[in-house]
Amino acid sequence: MLDLQQKTSILEKILQEPPQNYADGFKEDILNCLEGLNTETVHSMFLSKQDTEEDIRQWVDKLTSRIVMHEHEDGIDNIIWDYICCG
């Protein structure tokens, strides 16, 4: 199992990957939202539920898909925070 430092590093690496499609373009927005939080807060909010790099990647993919589906209905930051807090 990954520790908090490893999970945080993996998440940052995924969010900093060059965009391959439209949805990937929102990774920078996610990273910007998370930058103001300390590592323990991020862990308690959602990283604690992710056990592997693949889990973290799937979490990011689901969030970027949600942004694409709902960006016309609500602000991107609101969608990100909703997903971080509520899943």
Protein backbone atom coordinates (compact mmCIF):
# COMPACT_ATOMS: atom_id res chain seq x y z
CA MET A 1 0.00 0.00 0.00
CA LEU A 2 1.16 3.51 -0.79
CA ASP A 3 1.89 6.00 1.97
CA LEU A 4 0.65 9.59 1.97
CA GLN A 5 3.83 11.00 0.43
CA GLN A 6 3.71 8.48 -2.43
CA LYS A 7 0.03 9.14 -3.09
CA THR A 8 0.59 12.89 -3.14
CA SER A 9 3.53 12.54 -5.54
CA ILE A 10 1.51 10.29 -7.85
CA LEU A 11 -1.43 12.69 -7.85
CA GLU A 12 0.83 15.64 -8.69
CA LYS A 13 2.55 13.64 -11.45
CA ILE A 14 -0.80 12.70 -13.01
CA LEU A 15 -2.10 16.27 -12.82
CA GLN A 16 1.06 17.62 -14.45
CA GLU A 17 1.02 15.25 -17.43
CA PRO A 18 0.63 16.97 -20.80
CA PRO A 19 -3.00 16.97 -21.97
CA GLN A 20 -3.90 14.21 -24.41
CA ASN A 21 -7.54 15.27 -24.86
CA TYR A 22 -10.03 17.98 -23.92
CA ALA A 23 -10.75 16.51 -20.47
CA ASP A 24 -7.05 16.40 -19.59
CA GLY A 25 -6.98 20.16 -20.02
CA PHE A 26 -8.78 20.48 -16.69
CA LYS A 27 -6.00 18.77 -14.72
CA GLU A 28 -4.32 22.14 -14.21
CA ASP A 29 -7.56 23.49 -12.69
CA ILE A 30 -7.65 20.54 -10.30
CA LEU A 31 -4.03 21.08 -9.34
CA ASN A 32 -4.70 24.78 -8.71
CA CYS A 33 -7.64 23.92 -6.42
CA LEU A 34 -5.54 21.47 -4.42
CA GLU A 35 -2.48 23.70 -4.06
CA GLY A 36 -3.96 25.67 -1.18
CA LEU A 37 -4.63 22.56 0.88
CA ASN A 38 -2.14 20.84 3.12
CA THR A 39 -1.29 17.21 2.45
CA GLU A 40 -3.20 15.85 5.44
CA THR A 41 -6.37 17.63 4.33
CA VAL A 42 -6.09 16.24 0.81
CA HIS A 43 -5.48 12.78 2.26
CA SER A 44 -8.46 12.93 4.58
CA MET A 45 -10.72 14.24 1.82
CA PHE A 46 -10.03 11.62 -0.85
CA LEU A 47 -6.52 10.15 -1.09
CA SER A 48 -7.13 7.89 1.90
CA LYS A 49 -9.68 6.03 -0.25
CA GLN A 50 -7.17 5.42 -3.07
CA ASP A 51 -4.82 2.45 -2.65
CA THR A 52 -2.89 2.33 -5.92
CA GLU A 53 -1.65 4.60 -8.69
CA GLU A 54 -4.41 3.20 -10.89
CA ASP A 55 -7.02 4.19 -8.26
CA ILE A 56 -5.67 7.74 -8.22
CA ARG A 57 -5.60 7.88 -12.03
CA GLN A 58 -9.21 6.65 -12.19
CA TRP A 59 -10.24 9.27 -9.62
CA VAL A 60 -8.68 12.02 -11.77
CA ASP A 61 -10.27 10.60 -14.94
CA LYS A 62 -13.72 10.53 -13.32
CA LEU A 63 -13.32 14.10 -12.10
CA THR A 64 -12.20 15.41 -15.49
CA SER A 65 -15.12 13.59 -17.13
CA ARG A 66 -17.51 15.15 -14.64
CA ILE A 67 -16.11 18.58 -15.43
CA VAL A 68 -16.61 18.04 -19.16
CA MET A 69 -20.20 16.87 -18.60
CA HIS A 70 -21.19 19.72 -16.28
CA GLU A 71 -18.92 22.68 -17.05
CA HIS A 72 -21.81 24.48 -18.76
CA GLU A 73 -24.00 24.09 -15.65
CA ASP A 74 -21.65 25.19 -12.90
CA GLY A 75 -18.22 26.68 -12.34
CA ILE A 76 -15.25 24.38 -12.72
CA ASP A 77 -14.07 25.07 -9.17
CA ASN A 78 -17.51 24.14 -7.80
CA ILE A 79 -17.49 20.86 -9.70
CA ILE A 80 -13.99 20.04 -8.44
CA TRP A 81 -14.83 20.82 -4.81
CA ASP A 82 -18.06 18.84 -4.98
CA TYR A 83 -16.22 15.81 -6.29
CA ILE A 84 -13.41 16.14 -3.75
CA CYS A 85 -15.84 16.44 -0.86
CA CYS A 86 -18.61 14.10 -1.98
CA GLY A 87 -17.02 11.80 -4.54
